[in-house]
Every structure is written in structure tokens, then in C-alpha cells.
Amino acid sequence: MTHQKYTTYLLCFVIFVLLVVGVINRLVDPFWYYQDFEISGFNEVKPKFRKYERYIKPKLVARSRPNALIFGSSYSEIGFDPSNPSFTDNGKLKGYNFGIAGAGWERVQCYIDYALKVAEVNRMVIGIAPDALPLSNCIGVLPEIENFSEFNLLFSMKAIDASVGTMLSQHARPSHKKDGMYYYIRGHAGIDNQFREFYRNHEKRTNCDLNDLIKLDGNAAVAERIPTEHSGIDISGLLNVVKQTNSKNIKLRIYIYPSHALWQEIQIMCGNYKRYWSNLIYIVQEVEKLGGDVQIWDFNQFNQYTTEEITNQSAVYWQDPEHFNYEYGELMLDSMFGQNPKLAFGSRLTSDNIQNAYQEYMTSRNNYLKTHQEFMPSLKRLIE
């Protein structure tokens, strides 16, 4: 065989292998990029999507151009089903969950900025913590979007490895829904251990000694009037998002990340509730000045959902003290988009009612503790 023939055969072989790899990756679609067909037992479950969601989700939003988008960290990604009828106006709008696990405010803000450029958005839900929400320069913040390559999706070794892994893992539990919702540890037993882990990490991060808290009777915090002066936090990023959505006539709902009542009680005992509500009243006042179809909602209450019993089994509404299941999220979306008239759930906050909302929250909490004597022993068991 001549050198020229050898080179030709080798080149043809390489091209053939690349074509086979590309065809396999295209058919399996391990990263859920194409989403054109799914075959049970072959490529229906996408276990590799979780690892590459920061690359794929933005491009899916640009390709499918959904009208109703959900933003936030894993709290939003786990807690909201974007096909909810209230959110999609009974299916008239195409919903997508653009929440990203581990995304801080800077990333969330940049994802919003990106989505507003590539999609025709009609309504949005944004999850926030009542803390600093500064304006960010998004240049270089999302390198996975800027460096995205469809060629790598088809021909890279990572892609073929993901395809093989996908075909071999069809018996596994899915990590996500096709529309972006994250299952996380939904349905797993041992939720009480998740709570204990949160408490241990809380002690490491703060000066609040939980060993002292187990000696309290749960009635240490009283419903004081929260301060109304400037809280000192920078929320220029959130205000910029509101201005952007107002300019596009988008229906915007901002919700405060909720938590289980057991976790709320820790925050109250540690004194964090004063800063929480002080920041919240400032956020509400400043956002309200901008007008538009914008509402801010709080879902931290003591009710049958937030006080769900925590055992060594799985729970219906919670996966840990802060990650709520979409069953809880359904109630939230129904309230925020006006299709839950029979159930008074959550509080829409305005500058006129926020002081009353705070007083009602603390009063309902104190009344709950008085009528549910099992609550504090349950909390102490988890702390101990």
C-alpha cells in the first residue's frame, strides 16, 4: 500500500468515525439540546443534563423562545412547574424554568438580561432573598454561553461519553423535566437529616448557638414594629430588572424564597427576622416607585404546608428547610397569578400593608406555637 493510499484510507476512517459519533450523539441527545424525539429505554431519561444545564438552558431559551419564564436559584428550579395553568394562562403561553442550581444574584440577573434579548417574554417569576441585589456587569459572567459550541455537542469525547452513559442509565430517576424543572432529591427518604445538615452549617456560618436555643420555649421573639428607615442595602440590580420588564410590558412577580416553619423559627430565635423584614420593606418601597405590572409576594407563614411534619421519610412539600417541592410552588403560582380565589395563600406586599403583614405573621406564629405544643420538641430533636 502506498503512503498516499494509506493516508486516504486513514482520513476516510477518521471521517467515518466522526460521522458515527455525530449520529449517535444527535440521536441520543444526551444534553437535551434538540428535544425532537424521545424513546423509552433509549434516550428518554437525560441524567447528564444536570451537569451541563448552564450551557444548555440558555440556548434552549434562545431556540424555543418561551413566553413565561421562571428565574432564580435551585429554589425556583425545584419549586416551580412551568406548565402550571395559572402561570401559562391555561396553556396559552409557553413556560420554561430558567432557574439554575447554585446561581447567585449576579448570575440570575445576567440570565434575565440574556432572556430579555433572545425571547419575547410575556410574564416572569423571579425568586430573591431580601438582601443586597446590586447591579452587575454581565460581560464575562456567563462564559458557558459565550463559548457554547454545537460542534462539541455532536463530536466531542465528552458528548459520546454522555451518550453512552445516557443509554446505560435509562433505569435511573430523571434529574429534570423537559421544561427545565429540577427534581433534586424529591421522594428520597431521610429528610430529617437534610434539616440537621442545614442546622449544622448554620452554626458554622453564624454566631447563633443552637445549643442555647433548645432551652427556649419558642416565645422569645415578639411582634415589634420593624424600622422603616433605609436599610443600607444595594438593590440597584433588582430595580434595573424592574425597569427592563416595565419597558417591555412584562407581568413580573417577585417572590421571597420561602422556608419551612422549623427553619423560620431558627431565624426568629437568632434575631435574623428584624433584618429580613427591614430589608424587605425597603425593597417593596423602592420597587413600588417604578410602577408597572409588578408584585412582590411573601410565602413565609406558619400554616399546614410550612409546618409539615419532618421525619426520616420523604415529605410532600419540602426537600430540606429551604427547597420546596412544586406542590407548594403550585399554590404560590396560583396566588401570584390570580387563579386561587378560594385559598388565601401568601401575602402580596405593598408599602401600605407590609407593617401589618409583619405583625400578622408574628401574631400567627405566636398563636401557632401556643396551640401546637409538639412544634418546639420537634425542633429540639432536630437540633440535638
Protein backbone atom coordinates (compact mmCIF):
# COMPACT_ATOMS: atom_id res chain seq x y z
CA MET A 1 0.00 0.00 0.00
CA THR A 2 1.37 3.37 -0.98
CA HIS A 3 1.75 6.18 1.51
CA GLN A 4 -0.89 8.18 -0.37
CA LYS A 5 -3.46 5.35 -0.20
CA TYR A 6 -2.73 4.81 3.48
CA THR A 7 -3.32 8.48 4.19
CA THR A 8 -6.54 8.43 2.18
CA TYR A 9 -7.87 5.34 3.98
CA LEU A 10 -6.93 6.77 7.35
CA LEU A 11 -8.67 10.05 6.58
CA CYS A 12 -11.79 8.23 5.40
CA PHE A 13 -11.77 6.12 8.57
CA VAL A 14 -11.48 9.21 10.78
CA ILE A 15 -14.33 10.90 8.91
CA PHE A 16 -16.43 7.74 9.21
CA VAL A 17 -15.81 7.56 12.97
CA LEU A 18 -16.70 11.23 13.39
CA LEU A 19 -19.90 10.72 11.42
CA VAL A 20 -20.86 7.71 13.56
CA VAL A 21 -20.12 9.68 16.74
CA GLY A 22 -22.15 12.64 15.47
CA VAL A 23 -25.11 10.44 14.53
CA ILE A 24 -25.09 8.69 17.91
CA ASN A 25 -24.89 11.99 19.82
CA ARG A 26 -27.60 13.51 17.65
CA LEU A 27 -29.96 10.57 18.18
CA VAL A 28 -29.33 10.17 21.90
CA ASP A 29 -29.28 13.95 22.51
CA PRO A 30 -27.74 13.46 25.98
CA PHE A 31 -27.86 17.15 26.90
CA TRP A 32 -31.50 17.67 25.81
CA TYR A 33 -30.48 20.30 23.28
CA TYR A 34 -32.52 19.19 20.25
CA GLN A 35 -35.56 17.74 22.07
CA ASP A 36 -37.14 16.43 18.89
CA PHE A 37 -37.85 12.84 19.93
CA GLU A 38 -37.60 10.57 22.95
CA ILE A 39 -37.72 6.78 23.03
CA SER A 40 -38.39 4.94 26.27
CA GLY A 41 -35.41 2.80 27.22
CA PHE A 42 -33.12 4.58 24.75
CA ASN A 43 -32.88 8.33 25.45
CA GLU A 44 -35.94 9.36 27.45
CA VAL A 45 -34.04 9.91 30.72
CA LYS A 46 -31.27 12.53 30.49
CA PRO A 47 -29.00 12.00 33.54
CA LYS A 48 -26.22 14.18 32.06
CA PHE A 49 -28.36 17.28 31.63
CA ARG A 50 -27.86 18.34 35.25
CA LYS A 51 -24.11 18.73 34.81
CA TYR A 52 -24.43 20.83 31.65
CA GLU A 53 -27.57 22.86 32.34
CA ARG A 54 -25.67 26.15 32.42
CA TYR A 55 -24.63 25.51 28.81
CA ILE A 56 -27.92 24.13 27.53
CA LYS A 57 -30.70 26.08 29.26
CA PRO A 58 -29.76 29.48 27.81
CA LYS A 59 -29.55 28.05 24.29
CA LEU A 60 -32.90 26.30 24.70
CA VAL A 61 -34.47 29.61 25.70
CA ALA A 62 -32.97 31.25 22.61
CA ARG A 63 -34.21 28.44 20.32
CA SER A 64 -37.69 27.83 21.75
CA ARG A 65 -38.41 31.46 22.79
CA PRO A 66 -40.79 30.74 25.71
CA ASN A 67 -43.23 33.45 26.77
CA ALA A 68 -43.33 32.68 30.51
CA LEU A 69 -40.04 32.28 32.36
CA ILE A 70 -39.05 31.37 35.91
CA PHE A 71 -35.75 32.68 37.31
CA GLY A 72 -33.76 32.09 40.46
CA SER A 73 -31.50 29.57 42.11
CA SER A 74 -32.27 25.91 42.78
CA TYR A 75 -35.20 27.05 44.95
CA SER A 76 -37.00 28.25 41.83
CA GLU A 77 -35.70 25.41 39.69
CA ILE A 78 -37.04 22.77 42.07
CA GLY A 79 -40.14 24.54 43.29
CA PHE A 80 -41.97 25.59 40.13
CA ASP A 81 -43.52 23.56 37.35
CA PRO A 82 -43.56 25.96 34.36
CA SER A 83 -46.57 24.18 32.87
CA ASN A 84 -48.74 25.42 35.75
CA PRO A 85 -52.07 26.67 34.23
CA SER A 86 -52.06 29.92 36.22
CA PHE A 87 -48.53 30.71 35.09
CA THR A 88 -49.14 29.85 31.42
CA ASP A 89 -52.60 31.43 31.25
CA ASN A 90 -54.19 27.99 30.84
CA GLY A 91 -51.67 26.88 28.25
CA LYS A 92 -51.79 29.97 26.04
CA LEU A 93 -48.18 30.77 26.90
CA LYS A 94 -45.13 28.53 26.64
CA GLY A 95 -43.43 28.19 30.00
CA TYR A 96 -39.84 27.32 30.85
CA ASN A 97 -37.98 27.06 34.14
CA PHE A 98 -34.76 29.05 33.74
CA GLY A 99 -33.73 28.53 37.35
CA ILE A 100 -30.15 27.31 37.71
CA ALA A 101 -28.81 25.37 40.69
CA GLY A 102 -26.19 27.33 42.59
CA ALA A 103 -26.90 30.61 40.77
CA GLY A 104 -26.35 33.66 42.95
CA TRP A 105 -27.97 37.03 42.28
CA GLU A 106 -25.27 38.11 39.80
CA ARG A 107 -25.92 35.11 37.56
CA VAL A 108 -29.70 35.32 37.93
CA GLN A 109 -29.61 38.96 36.88
CA CYS A 110 -27.47 38.13 33.84
CA TYR A 111 -29.74 35.24 32.86
CA ILE A 112 -32.68 37.65 32.94
CA ASP A 113 -30.75 40.14 30.83
CA TYR A 114 -29.93 37.40 28.32
CA ALA A 115 -33.50 36.07 28.13
CA LEU A 116 -34.96 39.51 27.51
CA LYS A 117 -32.69 39.82 24.47
CA VAL A 118 -33.45 36.43 22.88
CA ALA A 119 -37.11 35.74 23.73
CA GLU A 120 -40.47 37.51 23.58
CA VAL A 121 -41.35 37.33 27.27
CA ASN A 122 -44.89 37.98 28.47
CA ARG A 123 -44.51 37.16 32.17
CA MET A 124 -41.76 36.32 34.62
CA VAL A 125 -41.29 34.97 38.13
CA ILE A 126 -38.10 35.90 39.99
CA GLY A 127 -37.03 34.47 43.33
CA ILE A 128 -34.93 36.64 45.64
CA ALA A 129 -33.64 36.77 49.19
CA PRO A 130 -34.25 40.13 50.90
CA ASP A 131 -30.62 41.15 50.84
CA ALA A 132 -28.25 43.14 48.63
CA LEU A 133 -29.19 42.83 44.94
CA PRO A 134 -26.63 45.05 43.21
CA LEU A 135 -26.28 45.86 39.54
CA SER A 136 -23.81 43.61 37.75
CA ASN A 137 -21.77 43.96 34.59
CA CYS A 138 -22.66 40.75 32.79
CA ILE A 139 -19.66 40.75 30.45
CA GLY A 140 -17.74 37.57 31.19
CA VAL A 141 -20.18 36.39 33.89
CA LEU A 142 -21.70 33.67 31.70
CA PRO A 143 -18.73 32.20 29.78
CA GLU A 144 -20.58 28.95 29.09
CA ILE A 145 -22.99 30.89 26.87
CA GLU A 146 -20.28 32.81 25.05
CA ASN A 147 -18.17 29.68 24.49
CA PHE A 148 -21.02 27.39 23.52
CA SER A 149 -20.31 25.17 20.50
CA GLU A 150 -22.84 22.91 18.82
CA PHE A 151 -19.90 21.09 17.26
CA ASN A 152 -18.87 19.90 20.74
CA LEU A 153 -22.41 18.64 21.34
CA LEU A 154 -22.03 16.29 18.39
CA PHE A 155 -18.38 15.38 18.05
CA SER A 156 -16.56 15.76 21.37
CA MET A 157 -15.47 12.85 23.54
CA LYS A 158 -17.49 14.30 26.42
CA ALA A 159 -20.56 14.11 24.23
CA ILE A 160 -20.04 10.48 23.21
CA ASP A 161 -19.29 9.59 26.83
CA ALA A 162 -22.54 11.31 27.85
CA SER A 163 -24.47 9.49 25.12
CA VAL A 164 -23.18 6.10 26.23
CA GLY A 165 -23.91 7.00 29.84
CA THR A 166 -27.41 8.10 28.88
CA MET A 167 -28.21 4.86 27.09
CA LEU A 168 -26.91 2.83 30.03
CA SER A 169 -28.81 4.87 32.64
CA GLN A 170 -32.36 4.71 31.36
CA HIS A 171 -33.38 2.91 34.56
CA ALA A 172 -32.23 5.89 36.66
CA ARG A 173 -34.50 8.56 38.10
CA PRO A 174 -34.62 11.67 35.91
CA SER A 175 -32.95 14.79 37.25
CA HIS A 176 -35.08 17.30 35.31
CA LYS A 177 -38.26 17.72 33.36
CA LYS A 178 -38.04 18.68 29.71
CA ASP A 179 -39.21 22.20 30.55
CA GLY A 180 -36.37 22.82 32.99
CA MET A 181 -37.79 21.85 36.39
CA TYR A 182 -35.28 20.09 38.67
CA TYR A 183 -36.30 17.07 40.79
CA TYR A 184 -33.17 17.19 43.03
CA ILE A 185 -33.77 14.68 45.88
CA ARG A 186 -37.53 14.60 45.50
CA GLY A 187 -39.05 11.49 47.08
CA HIS A 188 -35.86 10.49 48.91
CA ALA A 189 -36.17 9.31 52.50
CA GLY A 190 -34.23 10.89 55.36
CA ILE A 191 -35.45 14.46 55.04
CA ASP A 192 -34.83 14.93 58.78
CA ASN A 193 -31.11 14.51 58.08
CA GLN A 194 -31.32 17.28 55.49
CA PHE A 195 -32.68 19.56 58.21
CA ARG A 196 -29.93 18.57 60.63
CA GLU A 197 -27.30 19.31 57.99
CA PHE A 198 -28.74 22.77 57.46
CA TYR A 199 -28.64 23.44 61.20
CA ARG A 200 -25.02 22.33 61.46
CA ASN A 201 -23.99 24.56 58.55
CA HIS A 202 -25.93 27.45 60.08
CA GLU A 203 -23.92 27.18 63.28
CA LYS A 204 -20.69 27.27 61.30
CA ARG A 205 -21.71 30.44 59.43
CA THR A 206 -23.21 32.44 62.30
CA ASN A 207 -22.66 33.33 65.93
CA CYS A 208 -26.05 31.90 66.87
CA ASP A 209 -25.52 28.96 69.23
CA LEU A 210 -28.29 26.46 68.55
CA ASN A 211 -27.44 24.57 71.75
CA ASP A 212 -28.75 27.56 73.69
CA LEU A 213 -31.91 27.69 71.59
CA ILE A 214 -33.11 24.26 72.67
CA LYS A 215 -33.50 25.67 76.18
CA LEU A 216 -36.01 28.28 74.99
CA ASP A 217 -39.76 27.82 74.95
CA GLY A 218 -40.26 29.29 71.47
CA ASN A 219 -41.83 32.55 72.63
CA ALA A 220 -38.73 34.71 72.91
CA ALA A 221 -39.43 36.82 69.81
CA VAL A 222 -42.25 39.35 69.95
CA ALA A 223 -44.01 41.29 67.22
CA GLU A 224 -42.08 44.53 67.38
CA ARG A 225 -42.58 47.22 64.79
CA ILE A 226 -39.91 46.91 62.11
CA PRO A 227 -37.84 50.01 61.28
CA THR A 228 -38.83 51.97 58.19
CA GLU A 229 -35.59 53.86 57.55
CA HIS A 230 -33.19 52.99 54.71
CA SER A 231 -31.78 49.52 55.37
CA GLY A 232 -28.50 50.32 53.63
CA ILE A 233 -28.62 47.51 51.08
CA ASP A 234 -27.85 48.00 47.39
CA ILE A 235 -30.78 46.82 45.23
CA SER A 236 -29.83 48.65 42.03
CA GLY A 237 -29.73 45.34 40.12
CA LEU A 238 -33.30 44.44 41.04
CA LEU A 239 -34.51 47.94 40.20
CA ASN A 240 -32.81 47.70 36.80
CA VAL A 241 -34.60 44.40 36.13
CA VAL A 242 -37.94 46.03 37.01
CA LYS A 243 -37.22 48.93 34.65
CA GLN A 244 -36.41 46.48 31.85
CA THR A 245 -39.59 44.46 32.35
CA ASN A 246 -41.68 47.62 32.59
CA SER A 247 -40.30 48.84 29.27
CA LYS A 248 -41.48 45.58 27.66
CA ASN A 249 -44.86 45.47 29.47
CA ILE A 250 -43.98 42.19 31.15
CA LYS A 251 -46.07 40.87 34.03
CA LEU A 252 -43.48 40.46 36.77
CA ARG A 253 -43.92 38.59 40.04
CA ILE A 254 -41.09 38.73 42.57
CA TYR A 255 -41.30 36.25 45.42
CA ILE A 256 -39.20 35.93 48.55
CA TYR A 257 -37.68 32.47 48.89
CA PRO A 258 -39.84 30.67 51.49
CA SER A 259 -38.71 28.18 54.10
CA HIS A 260 -40.13 25.56 56.40
CA ALA A 261 -41.50 26.87 59.70
CA LEU A 262 -38.82 24.99 61.63
CA TRP A 263 -36.19 26.97 59.75
CA GLN A 264 -38.15 30.20 60.16
CA GLU A 265 -38.15 29.62 63.90
CA ILE A 266 -34.38 29.32 63.93
CA GLN A 267 -34.14 32.67 62.12
CA ILE A 268 -36.54 34.27 64.59
CA MET A 269 -34.68 32.93 67.61
CA CYS A 270 -31.36 34.10 66.19
CA GLY A 271 -32.79 37.59 65.63
CA ASN A 272 -32.49 37.49 61.85
CA TYR A 273 -36.17 38.31 61.32
CA LYS A 274 -35.64 42.02 62.06
CA ARG A 275 -33.06 42.44 59.30
CA TYR A 276 -35.17 40.27 56.98
CA TRP A 277 -38.24 42.48 57.34
CA SER A 278 -36.29 45.74 57.43
CA ASN A 279 -34.67 44.88 54.07
CA LEU A 280 -37.97 43.68 52.70
CA ILE A 281 -39.82 46.89 53.45
CA TYR A 282 -37.10 48.89 51.68
CA ILE A 283 -37.26 46.60 48.62
CA VAL A 284 -41.05 46.92 48.48
CA GLN A 285 -40.96 50.70 48.76
CA GLU A 286 -38.31 51.19 46.07
CA VAL A 287 -39.84 48.73 43.59
CA GLU A 288 -43.26 50.29 44.06
CA LYS A 289 -41.94 53.68 42.97
CA LEU A 290 -41.21 52.30 39.50
CA GLY A 291 -44.82 51.26 38.80
CA GLY A 292 -45.66 48.67 36.15
CA ASP A 293 -47.34 45.28 36.48
CA VAL A 294 -45.02 44.22 39.30
CA GLN A 295 -45.94 42.47 42.53
CA ILE A 296 -43.84 41.27 45.46
CA TRP A 297 -45.03 38.22 47.37
CA ASP A 298 -44.01 36.60 50.64
CA PHE A 299 -44.92 32.98 51.44
CA ASN A 300 -43.23 32.57 54.80
CA GLN A 301 -46.06 31.70 57.14
CA PHE A 302 -46.94 29.17 59.79
CA ASN A 303 -49.58 27.02 58.10
CA GLN A 304 -50.33 23.40 57.27
CA TYR A 305 -47.74 23.44 54.47
CA THR A 306 -44.78 25.14 56.15
CA THR A 307 -45.31 23.14 59.34
CA GLU A 308 -45.37 19.78 57.55
CA GLU A 309 -44.03 17.07 59.85
CA ILE A 310 -40.40 16.22 59.22
CA THR A 311 -39.46 12.58 59.71
CA ASN A 312 -36.97 10.07 58.33
CA GLN A 313 -39.24 9.61 55.33
CA SER A 314 -39.81 11.95 52.37
CA ALA A 315 -42.12 14.95 52.67
CA VAL A 316 -44.78 16.25 50.29
CA TYR A 317 -43.93 19.95 50.28
CA TRP A 318 -40.24 20.10 51.29
CA GLN A 319 -36.89 18.52 50.41
CA ASP A 320 -34.97 20.42 53.09
CA PRO A 321 -35.62 23.60 55.14
CA GLU A 322 -35.41 25.86 52.06
CA HIS A 323 -36.07 23.74 48.96
CA PHE A 324 -39.81 23.42 48.47
CA ASN A 325 -41.48 20.92 46.14
CA TYR A 326 -43.62 22.02 43.22
CA GLU A 327 -46.77 21.10 45.17
CA TYR A 328 -46.00 24.15 47.30
CA GLY A 329 -44.96 26.07 44.21
CA GLU A 330 -48.34 25.37 42.60
CA LEU A 331 -50.06 27.21 45.45
CA MET A 332 -47.63 30.09 45.06
CA LEU A 333 -48.12 30.43 41.30
CA ASP A 334 -51.89 30.23 41.67
CA SER A 335 -51.79 33.07 44.19
CA MET A 336 -49.35 35.26 42.26
CA PHE A 337 -51.29 34.98 39.01
CA GLY A 338 -54.77 35.27 40.47
CA GLN A 339 -56.26 31.82 39.94
CA ASN A 340 -56.60 30.71 43.55
CA PRO A 341 -59.60 32.68 44.86
CA LYS A 342 -60.71 30.07 47.39
CA LEU A 343 -57.39 29.79 49.22
CA ALA A 344 -55.82 32.80 50.89
CA PHE A 345 -52.20 31.80 50.47
CA GLY A 346 -49.24 34.09 50.82
CA SER A 347 -49.14 37.86 51.13
CA ARG A 348 -48.80 40.39 48.37
CA LEU A 349 -46.66 43.09 49.93
CA THR A 350 -47.13 46.82 49.39
CA SER A 351 -45.74 49.82 51.23
CA ASP A 352 -49.20 50.31 52.75
CA ASN A 353 -49.63 46.81 54.17
CA ILE A 354 -46.15 45.50 54.92
CA GLN A 355 -46.12 46.60 58.57
CA ASN A 356 -49.47 44.89 59.07
CA ALA A 357 -48.22 41.82 57.18
CA TYR A 358 -45.28 41.62 59.57
CA GLN A 359 -47.49 41.99 62.64
CA GLU A 360 -49.89 39.35 61.32
CA TYR A 361 -47.01 37.00 60.60
CA MET A 362 -45.61 37.27 64.13
CA THR A 363 -49.06 37.01 65.70
CA SER A 364 -49.94 33.92 63.68
CA ARG A 365 -46.58 32.39 64.57
CA ASN A 366 -47.07 33.01 68.30
CA ASN A 367 -50.63 31.66 68.16
CA TYR A 368 -49.43 28.58 66.30
CA LEU A 369 -46.80 27.80 68.91
CA LYS A 370 -49.37 28.13 71.68
CA THR A 371 -51.80 25.72 70.03
CA HIS A 372 -49.23 23.21 68.75
CA GLN A 373 -47.20 22.07 71.71
CA GLU A 374 -45.42 19.45 69.61
CA PHE A 375 -43.63 22.05 67.46
CA MET A 376 -40.80 23.02 69.81
CA PRO A 377 -39.96 19.43 70.88
CA SER A 378 -39.77 18.56 67.17
CA LEU A 379 -37.35 21.44 66.59
CA LYS A 380 -35.23 20.47 69.58
CA ARG A 381 -34.92 16.89 68.37
CA LEU A 382 -33.60 18.08 65.02
CA ILE A 383 -31.12 20.49 66.64
CA GLU A 384 -29.86 17.94 69.11
